[in-house]
Amino acid sequence: MCFEECFKVWFVYFPKAVASSIVGMLLGLIPTVVFAVATTAITLVRTPINFWITFKVALTSLILRPGLR
């Protein structure tokens, strides 16, 4: 009886579990790559704009105006 159960576990259930895990990981890579590329693209576009707005506000603010006492 133990031989049949051990055989079933190692040669039926274990390969099915490994195969489904591999398929699941490969399917999980697709949205991961999409989200990583989207996040990088948004960062590359928005960072220079945010720097420009920050420097523009800093240069036109009262802090940097000459002649203040």
Protein backbone atom coordinates (compact mmCIF):
# COMPACT_ATOMS: atom_id res chain seq x y z
CA MET A 1 0.00 0.00 0.00
CA CYS A 2 2.77 2.44 0.82
CA PHE A 3 4.47 1.71 -2.47
CA GLU A 4 1.36 2.62 -4.45
CA GLU A 5 0.82 5.84 -2.55
CA CYS A 6 4.47 6.84 -2.79
CA PHE A 7 4.48 6.04 -6.49
CA LYS A 8 1.37 8.13 -7.00
CA VAL A 9 2.79 11.08 -5.09
CA TRP A 10 6.20 11.11 -6.78
CA PHE A 11 5.18 10.23 -10.32
CA VAL A 12 1.71 11.76 -10.63
CA TYR A 13 1.12 14.60 -8.19
CA PHE A 14 4.64 16.00 -7.97
CA PRO A 15 5.18 16.42 -11.75
CA LYS A 16 1.72 18.00 -12.08
CA ALA A 17 2.51 20.44 -9.28
CA VAL A 18 5.90 21.34 -10.78
CA ALA A 19 4.41 21.81 -14.27
CA SER A 20 1.59 24.00 -13.01
CA SER A 21 4.04 26.07 -10.95
CA ILE A 22 6.25 26.66 -13.99
CA VAL A 23 3.25 27.67 -16.11
CA GLY A 24 2.00 29.97 -13.35
CA MET A 25 5.39 31.67 -13.02
CA LEU A 26 5.66 32.19 -16.77
CA LEU A 27 2.16 33.67 -16.90
CA GLY A 28 3.03 35.92 -13.97
CA LEU A 29 6.04 37.34 -15.81
CA ILE A 30 3.89 38.92 -18.51
CA PRO A 31 2.10 41.51 -16.32
CA THR A 32 5.29 42.05 -14.32
CA VAL A 33 7.20 43.11 -17.42
CA VAL A 34 4.32 45.31 -18.59
CA PHE A 35 4.05 47.11 -15.26
CA ALA A 36 7.82 47.52 -14.97
CA VAL A 37 8.08 49.07 -18.45
CA ALA A 38 5.10 51.35 -17.78
CA THR A 39 6.52 52.53 -14.46
CA THR A 40 9.91 53.23 -16.03
CA ALA A 41 8.35 55.12 -18.93
CA ILE A 42 6.21 57.28 -16.65
CA THR A 43 9.22 58.04 -14.47
CA LEU A 44 11.37 59.01 -17.44
CA VAL A 45 8.67 61.34 -18.75
CA ARG A 46 7.54 62.94 -15.49
CA THR A 47 10.88 63.47 -13.71
CA PRO A 48 12.21 66.23 -16.01
CA ILE A 49 8.80 67.94 -15.95
CA ASN A 50 8.72 67.85 -12.14
CA PHE A 51 12.28 69.24 -11.95
CA TRP A 52 11.37 72.06 -14.34
CA ILE A 53 8.24 73.00 -12.38
CA THR A 54 10.14 72.90 -9.08
CA PHE A 55 12.98 75.11 -10.36
CA LYS A 56 10.52 77.52 -12.01
CA VAL A 57 8.63 77.96 -8.74
CA ALA A 58 11.87 78.36 -6.80
CA LEU A 59 13.24 80.98 -9.21
CA THR A 60 10.05 83.02 -9.31
CA SER A 61 9.28 82.85 -5.61
CA LEU A 62 9.90 85.57 -3.08
CA ILE A 63 12.79 83.63 -1.60
CA LEU A 64 15.13 84.35 -4.50
CA ARG A 65 14.08 87.92 -5.35
CA PRO A 66 16.81 90.49 -4.86
CA GLY A 67 16.24 93.58 -2.78
CA LEU A 68 14.15 92.03 -0.02
CA ARG A 69 14.98 93.24 3.46
